[in-house]
Amino acid sequence: MTSSEQIKVLCVRSNISLSELARRIGQTPQNFNSKLKRNTISQKEMIQIANVLNVKYEQYFLLSNGEMIK
């Protein structure tokens, strides 16, 4: 699942529109929608989204020996 798809699912489950989410993270809905279409959401923006929706966001690699690379 792409970051854009994850954000769309998150919005549905959080009962918030994409436009409202864009405003809450300080972007115009048009700009945010363009980023979603191009799938160019940065990790910083993903963290912002998690913060405004009060959810946890994690991104890391987990090696077979249990080592985590964040």
N, C-alpha and C. Protein backbone atom coordinates (compact mmCIF):
# COMPACT_ATOMS: atom_id res chain seq x y z
N MET A 1 0.85 -1.18 0.00
CA MET A 1 0.00 0.00 0.00
C MET A 1 0.89 1.24 0.00
N THR A 2 0.61 2.17 -0.88
CA THR A 2 1.40 3.40 -0.94
C THR A 2 1.05 4.33 0.21
N SER A 3 1.89 5.33 0.42
CA SER A 3 1.63 6.32 1.46
C SER A 3 0.31 7.03 1.19
N SER A 4 0.05 7.35 -0.05
CA SER A 4 -1.19 8.03 -0.42
C SER A 4 -2.41 7.17 -0.07
N GLU A 5 -2.32 5.89 -0.37
CA GLU A 5 -3.43 4.98 -0.04
C GLU A 5 -3.61 4.88 1.47
N GLN A 6 -2.51 4.83 2.20
CA GLN A 6 -2.58 4.77 3.66
C GLN A 6 -3.28 6.00 4.22
N ILE A 7 -2.94 7.17 3.69
CA ILE A 7 -3.55 8.42 4.16
C ILE A 7 -5.04 8.43 3.88
N LYS A 8 -5.44 7.97 2.72
CA LYS A 8 -6.86 7.94 2.37
C LYS A 8 -7.64 7.00 3.29
N VAL A 9 -7.08 5.84 3.59
CA VAL A 9 -7.73 4.90 4.51
C VAL A 9 -7.79 5.51 5.91
N LEU A 10 -6.70 6.14 6.32
CA LEU A 10 -6.66 6.78 7.63
C LEU A 10 -7.74 7.85 7.76
N CYS A 11 -7.93 8.63 6.72
CA CYS A 11 -8.97 9.67 6.74
C CYS A 11 -10.36 9.06 6.88
N VAL A 12 -10.62 8.01 6.15
CA VAL A 12 -11.93 7.35 6.23
C VAL A 12 -12.16 6.83 7.65
N ARG A 13 -11.16 6.15 8.19
CA ARG A 13 -11.31 5.57 9.53
C ARG A 13 -11.34 6.62 10.63
N SER A 14 -10.74 7.79 10.35
CA SER A 14 -10.73 8.88 11.34
C SER A 14 -11.88 9.85 11.13
N ASN A 15 -12.71 9.57 10.11
CA ASN A 15 -13.88 10.39 9.81
C ASN A 15 -13.49 11.85 9.56
N ILE A 16 -12.51 12.05 8.69
CA ILE A 16 -12.04 13.39 8.33
C ILE A 16 -11.83 13.43 6.82
N SER A 17 -12.10 14.55 6.22
CA SER A 17 -11.89 14.67 4.78
C SER A 17 -10.42 14.96 4.49
N LEU A 18 -10.01 14.67 3.28
CA LEU A 18 -8.64 14.99 2.86
C LEU A 18 -8.40 16.49 2.91
N SER A 19 -9.42 17.27 2.56
CA SER A 19 -9.30 18.73 2.60
C SER A 19 -9.06 19.23 4.01
N GLU A 20 -9.80 18.69 4.95
CA GLU A 20 -9.63 19.10 6.35
C GLU A 20 -8.27 18.68 6.87
N LEU A 21 -7.81 17.50 6.51
CA LEU A 21 -6.49 17.06 6.92
C LEU A 21 -5.43 18.01 6.36
N ALA A 22 -5.56 18.37 5.11
CA ALA A 22 -4.61 19.31 4.49
C ALA A 22 -4.54 20.60 5.28
N ARG A 23 -5.69 21.16 5.62
CA ARG A 23 -5.72 22.41 6.39
C ARG A 23 -5.05 22.24 7.75
N ARG A 24 -5.29 21.11 8.40
CA ARG A 24 -4.72 20.88 9.73
C ARG A 24 -3.19 20.76 9.70
N ILE A 25 -2.64 20.35 8.56
CA ILE A 25 -1.17 20.26 8.49
C ILE A 25 -0.58 21.48 7.76
N GLY A 26 -1.40 22.50 7.56
CA GLY A 26 -0.91 23.76 7.02
C GLY A 26 -0.70 23.79 5.52
N GLN A 27 -1.45 22.99 4.79
CA GLN A 27 -1.35 22.98 3.33
C GLN A 27 -2.71 23.27 2.72
N THR A 28 -2.68 23.74 1.49
CA THR A 28 -3.95 23.92 0.80
C THR A 28 -4.44 22.54 0.34
N PRO A 29 -5.73 22.36 0.27
CA PRO A 29 -6.24 21.08 -0.22
C PRO A 29 -5.74 20.76 -1.63
N GLN A 30 -5.59 21.77 -2.48
CA GLN A 30 -5.13 21.54 -3.85
C GLN A 30 -3.70 21.01 -3.85
N ASN A 31 -2.82 21.63 -3.06
CA ASN A 31 -1.43 21.21 -3.01
C ASN A 31 -1.32 19.79 -2.44
N PHE A 32 -2.06 19.54 -1.37
CA PHE A 32 -2.01 18.23 -0.73
C PHE A 32 -2.53 17.15 -1.67
N ASN A 33 -3.61 17.45 -2.38
CA ASN A 33 -4.17 16.49 -3.34
C ASN A 33 -3.17 16.18 -4.45
N SER A 34 -2.44 17.18 -4.90
CA SER A 34 -1.41 16.96 -5.91
C SER A 34 -0.33 16.03 -5.40
N LYS A 35 0.08 16.21 -4.16
CA LYS A 35 1.09 15.34 -3.56
C LYS A 35 0.57 13.91 -3.45
N LEU A 36 -0.70 13.76 -3.11
CA LEU A 36 -1.29 12.42 -3.02
C LEU A 36 -1.30 11.75 -4.39
N LYS A 37 -1.66 12.50 -5.42
CA LYS A 37 -1.72 11.93 -6.77
C LYS A 37 -0.34 11.49 -7.25
N ARG A 38 0.69 12.26 -6.89
CA ARG A 38 2.06 11.93 -7.30
C ARG A 38 2.74 10.99 -6.30
N ASN A 39 2.09 10.75 -5.17
CA ASN A 39 2.63 9.94 -4.08
C ASN A 39 4.00 10.48 -3.63
N THR A 40 4.01 11.79 -3.36
CA THR A 40 5.25 12.45 -2.93
C THR A 40 5.12 13.03 -1.52
N ILE A 41 4.45 12.31 -0.65
CA ILE A 41 4.31 12.73 0.73
C ILE A 41 5.62 12.39 1.46
N SER A 42 6.18 13.38 2.13
CA SER A 42 7.44 13.16 2.84
C SER A 42 7.21 12.49 4.19
N GLN A 43 8.29 11.96 4.74
CA GLN A 43 8.19 11.35 6.06
C GLN A 43 7.81 12.40 7.10
N LYS A 44 8.33 13.61 6.95
CA LYS A 44 7.98 14.71 7.85
C LYS A 44 6.47 14.97 7.83
N GLU A 45 5.89 14.95 6.63
CA GLU A 45 4.45 15.16 6.50
C GLU A 45 3.67 13.99 7.10
N MET A 46 4.17 12.79 6.96
CA MET A 46 3.50 11.63 7.57
C MET A 46 3.48 11.78 9.10
N ILE A 47 4.56 12.27 9.66
CA ILE A 47 4.62 12.50 11.11
C ILE A 47 3.65 13.60 11.51
N GLN A 48 3.57 14.66 10.72
CA GLN A 48 2.60 15.74 10.99
C GLN A 48 1.17 15.19 10.98
N ILE A 49 0.87 14.38 9.99
CA ILE A 49 -0.47 13.79 9.88
C ILE A 49 -0.78 12.96 11.11
N ALA A 50 0.17 12.14 11.52
CA ALA A 50 -0.03 11.31 12.73
C ALA A 50 -0.28 12.19 13.94
N ASN A 51 0.47 13.28 14.06
CA ASN A 51 0.31 14.16 15.22
C ASN A 51 -1.05 14.83 15.25
N VAL A 52 -1.52 15.35 14.11
CA VAL A 52 -2.80 16.05 14.12
C VAL A 52 -3.98 15.09 14.28
N LEU A 53 -3.80 13.82 13.91
CA LEU A 53 -4.87 12.84 14.07
C LEU A 53 -4.71 12.00 15.34
N ASN A 54 -3.66 12.31 16.10
CA ASN A 54 -3.41 11.62 17.37
C ASN A 54 -3.30 10.10 17.19
N VAL A 55 -2.50 9.72 16.19
CA VAL A 55 -2.22 8.30 15.94
C VAL A 55 -0.71 8.12 15.93
N LYS A 56 -0.28 6.89 15.99
CA LYS A 56 1.14 6.57 16.00
C LYS A 56 1.59 6.25 14.57
N TYR A 57 2.74 6.78 14.18
CA TYR A 57 3.32 6.50 12.87
C TYR A 57 4.71 5.94 13.07
N GLU A 58 4.99 4.80 12.44
CA GLU A 58 6.30 4.18 12.53
C GLU A 58 6.77 3.81 11.14
N GLN A 59 8.06 4.06 10.89
CA GLN A 59 8.65 3.63 9.63
C GLN A 59 10.05 3.14 9.95
N TYR A 60 10.29 1.86 9.65
CA TYR A 60 11.60 1.29 9.93
C TYR A 60 11.78 -0.02 9.18
N PHE A 61 13.04 -0.46 9.14
CA PHE A 61 13.37 -1.78 8.60
C PHE A 61 13.66 -2.68 9.79
N LEU A 62 13.21 -3.91 9.73
CA LEU A 62 13.46 -4.88 10.79
C LEU A 62 14.24 -6.05 10.18
N LEU A 63 15.50 -6.18 10.60
CA LEU A 63 16.35 -7.24 10.07
C LEU A 63 16.01 -8.58 10.72
N SER A 64 16.42 -9.66 10.09
CA SER A 64 16.09 -10.99 10.60
C SER A 64 16.67 -11.26 11.99
N ASN A 65 17.73 -10.54 12.35
CA ASN A 65 18.31 -10.72 13.69
C ASN A 65 17.62 -9.86 14.74
N GLY A 66 16.56 -9.17 14.35
CA GLY A 66 15.81 -8.35 15.29
C GLY A 66 16.26 -6.90 15.34
N GLU A 67 17.35 -6.58 14.65
CA GLU A 67 17.84 -5.21 14.64
C GLU A 67 16.88 -4.32 13.86
N MET A 68 16.61 -3.13 14.41
CA MET A 68 15.69 -2.20 13.79
C MET A 68 16.47 -1.01 13.26
N ILE A 69 16.22 -0.65 12.02
CA ILE A 69 16.83 0.54 11.42
C ILE A 69 15.71 1.53 11.16
N LYS A 70 15.76 2.63 11.90
CA LYS A 70 14.71 3.65 11.76
C LYS A 70 15.16 4.77 10.88
